[in-house]
Amino acid sequence: MCCIFTSLALFGPRLAILVWWLIDPLRFATAFKGFLLPIVLALFAPFTMLMYVIVWSPVSGIYGLDWLWLGIAIALDVFSYVGGGYTNRNRLSRTKV
């Protein structure tokens, strides 16, 4: 069960980014002016990239409570990286000095 959750957490948002980009590439092109930032975000911060594309507006950009949603996505990315080490802390053998 743990392997299924881990693979969904790692590949789920990246797969969603790929599918959404294939369906609506114009939204990604207008939200991100270049090509380097979306690639880096898709690799290292997929939840943040998805939330940015969801809340971004062509008229106003990121405004008001959109920053809260973006902060939640950043927290999800951080927790997805930090959570594995925290969960495995008891599995490591402790050596006595």
C-alpha atoms as a PDB file:
ATOM      1  CA  MET A   1       0.000   0.000   0.000  1.00  0.00           C
ATOM      2  CA  CYS A   2       2.864   2.334   0.784  1.00  0.00           C
ATOM      3  CA  CYS A   3       4.384   1.836  -2.671  1.00  0.00           C
ATOM      4  CA  ILE A   4       1.103   2.705  -4.358  1.00  0.00           C
ATOM      5  CA  PHE A   5       0.776   5.903  -2.328  1.00  0.00           C
ATOM      6  CA  THR A   6       4.382   6.865  -3.026  1.00  0.00           C
ATOM      7  CA  SER A   7       4.065   6.300  -6.768  1.00  0.00           C
ATOM      8  CA  LEU A   8       0.818   8.299  -6.889  1.00  0.00           C
ATOM      9  CA  ALA A   9       2.392  11.142  -4.924  1.00  0.00           C
ATOM     10  CA  LEU A  10       5.430  11.197  -7.216  1.00  0.00           C
ATOM     11  CA  PHE A  11       3.899  10.539 -10.620  1.00  0.00           C
ATOM     12  CA  GLY A  12       0.286  11.671 -10.186  1.00  0.00           C
ATOM     13  CA  PRO A  13       0.830  15.433 -10.417  1.00  0.00           C
ATOM     14  CA  ARG A  14       3.405  15.049 -13.179  1.00  0.00           C
ATOM     15  CA  LEU A  15       0.989  12.908 -15.176  1.00  0.00           C
ATOM     16  CA  ALA A  16      -1.749  15.501 -14.598  1.00  0.00           C
ATOM     17  CA  ILE A  17       0.600  18.234 -15.867  1.00  0.00           C
ATOM     18  CA  LEU A  18       1.394  16.216 -18.985  1.00  0.00           C
ATOM     19  CA  VAL A  19      -2.253  15.450 -19.770  1.00  0.00           C
ATOM     20  CA  TRP A  20      -3.371  19.030 -19.131  1.00  0.00           C
ATOM     21  CA  TRP A  21      -0.515  20.393 -21.262  1.00  0.00           C
ATOM     22  CA  LEU A  22      -1.495  18.057 -24.121  1.00  0.00           C
ATOM     23  CA  ILE A  23      -5.132  19.192 -23.879  1.00  0.00           C
ATOM     24  CA  ASP A  24      -4.538  22.937 -23.406  1.00  0.00           C
ATOM     25  CA  PRO A  25      -0.967  23.993 -24.319  1.00  0.00           C
ATOM     26  CA  LEU A  26      -1.985  27.616 -24.840  1.00  0.00           C
ATOM     27  CA  ARG A  27      -2.779  28.075 -21.133  1.00  0.00           C
ATOM     28  CA  PHE A  28       0.695  26.866 -20.189  1.00  0.00           C
ATOM     29  CA  ALA A  29       2.295  29.038 -22.865  1.00  0.00           C
ATOM     30  CA  THR A  30       0.578  32.183 -21.581  1.00  0.00           C
ATOM     31  CA  ALA A  31       1.096  31.381 -17.886  1.00  0.00           C
ATOM     32  CA  PHE A  32       4.820  30.734 -18.358  1.00  0.00           C
ATOM     33  CA  LYS A  33       6.646  32.898 -20.881  1.00  0.00           C
ATOM     34  CA  GLY A  34       9.711  30.676 -21.220  1.00  0.00           C
ATOM     35  CA  PHE A  35      10.286  26.948 -21.326  1.00  0.00           C
ATOM     36  CA  LEU A  36      12.870  26.463 -18.551  1.00  0.00           C
ATOM     37  CA  LEU A  37      10.697  27.395 -15.544  1.00  0.00           C
ATOM     38  CA  PRO A  38       7.848  24.969 -16.412  1.00  0.00           C
ATOM     39  CA  ILE A  39      10.320  22.111 -16.847  1.00  0.00           C
ATOM     40  CA  VAL A  40      11.988  22.813 -13.498  1.00  0.00           C
ATOM     41  CA  LEU A  41       8.632  23.201 -11.739  1.00  0.00           C
ATOM     42  CA  ALA A  42       7.270  19.996 -13.278  1.00  0.00           C
ATOM     43  CA  LEU A  43      10.304  18.065 -12.059  1.00  0.00           C
ATOM     44  CA  PHE A  44      10.748  19.510  -8.572  1.00  0.00           C
ATOM     45  CA  ALA A  45       7.470  21.243  -7.594  1.00  0.00           C
ATOM     46  CA  PRO A  46       4.573  19.675  -9.502  1.00  0.00           C
ATOM     47  CA  PHE A  47       1.849  20.626  -6.994  1.00  0.00           C
ATOM     48  CA  THR A  48       2.973  24.252  -7.130  1.00  0.00           C
ATOM     49  CA  MET A  49       2.953  24.238 -10.923  1.00  0.00           C
ATOM     50  CA  LEU A  50      -0.528  22.729 -11.088  1.00  0.00           C
ATOM     51  CA  MET A  51      -1.894  25.244  -8.586  1.00  0.00           C
ATOM     52  CA  TYR A  52      -0.207  28.136 -10.395  1.00  0.00           C
ATOM     53  CA  VAL A  53      -1.819  27.128 -13.671  1.00  0.00           C
ATOM     54  CA  ILE A  54      -5.197  26.684 -11.941  1.00  0.00           C
ATOM     55  CA  VAL A  55      -5.263  30.072 -10.163  1.00  0.00           C
ATOM     56  CA  TRP A  56      -3.413  32.136 -12.786  1.00  0.00           C
ATOM     57  CA  SER A  57      -5.578  34.530 -14.753  1.00  0.00           C
ATOM     58  CA  PRO A  58      -4.559  36.284 -17.998  1.00  0.00           C
ATOM     59  CA  VAL A  59      -6.154  39.521 -16.780  1.00  0.00           C
ATOM     60  CA  SER A  60      -4.912  39.827 -13.186  1.00  0.00           C
ATOM     61  CA  GLY A  61      -2.284  37.113 -12.783  1.00  0.00           C
ATOM     62  CA  ILE A  62      -2.027  35.944  -9.157  1.00  0.00           C
ATOM     63  CA  TYR A  63      -4.145  38.119  -6.890  1.00  0.00           C
ATOM     64  CA  GLY A  64      -5.720  38.005  -3.422  1.00  0.00           C
ATOM     65  CA  LEU A  65      -6.500  34.551  -2.044  1.00  0.00           C
ATOM     66  CA  ASP A  66      -4.673  32.971  -4.976  1.00  0.00           C
ATOM     67  CA  TRP A  67      -1.507  33.391  -2.906  1.00  0.00           C
ATOM     68  CA  LEU A  68      -3.027  31.238  -0.161  1.00  0.00           C
ATOM     69  CA  TRP A  69      -3.715  28.393  -2.604  1.00  0.00           C
ATOM     70  CA  LEU A  70      -0.201  28.746  -3.987  1.00  0.00           C
ATOM     71  CA  GLY A  71       1.209  28.564  -0.455  1.00  0.00           C
ATOM     72  CA  ILE A  72      -0.753  25.373   0.201  1.00  0.00           C
ATOM     73  CA  ALA A  73       0.684  23.855  -2.982  1.00  0.00           C
ATOM     74  CA  ILE A  74       4.221  24.813  -1.937  1.00  0.00           C
ATOM     75  CA  ALA A  75       3.581  23.159   1.441  1.00  0.00           C
ATOM     76  CA  LEU A  76       2.379  19.998  -0.335  1.00  0.00           C
ATOM     77  CA  ASP A  77       5.586  19.895  -2.375  1.00  0.00           C
ATOM     78  CA  VAL A  78       7.744  20.358   0.714  1.00  0.00           C
ATOM     79  CA  PHE A  79       5.796  17.722   2.669  1.00  0.00           C
ATOM     80  CA  SER A  80       6.073  15.243  -0.193  1.00  0.00           C
ATOM     81  CA  TYR A  81       9.876  15.513  -0.042  1.00  0.00           C
ATOM     82  CA  VAL A  82      10.271  15.678   3.734  1.00  0.00           C
ATOM     83  CA  GLY A  83       7.613  13.116   4.667  1.00  0.00           C
ATOM     84  CA  GLY A  84       9.538  10.091   3.446  1.00  0.00           C
ATOM     85  CA  GLY A  85      12.507  10.760   5.689  1.00  0.00           C
ATOM     86  CA  TYR A  86      10.299  11.467   8.676  1.00  0.00           C
ATOM     87  CA  THR A  87       8.340   8.250   8.173  1.00  0.00           C
ATOM     88  CA  ASN A  88      11.471   6.099   7.863  1.00  0.00           C
ATOM     89  CA  ARG A  89      13.218   7.492  10.946  1.00  0.00           C
ATOM     90  CA  ASN A  90      12.351   4.434  13.068  1.00  0.00           C
ATOM     91  CA  ARG A  91      13.409   1.928  10.404  1.00  0.00           C
ATOM     92  CA  LEU A  92      17.048   2.975  10.491  1.00  0.00           C
ATOM     93  CA  SER A  93      19.218   1.010  12.866  1.00  0.00           C
ATOM     94  CA  ARG A  94      20.622   3.073  15.665  1.00  0.00           C
ATOM     95  CA  THR A  95      24.243   2.491  16.478  1.00  0.00           C
ATOM     96  CA  LYS A  96      25.489   2.893  20.009  1.00  0.00           C
ATOM     97  CA  VAL A  97      28.697   4.743  20.517  1.00  0.00           C
END
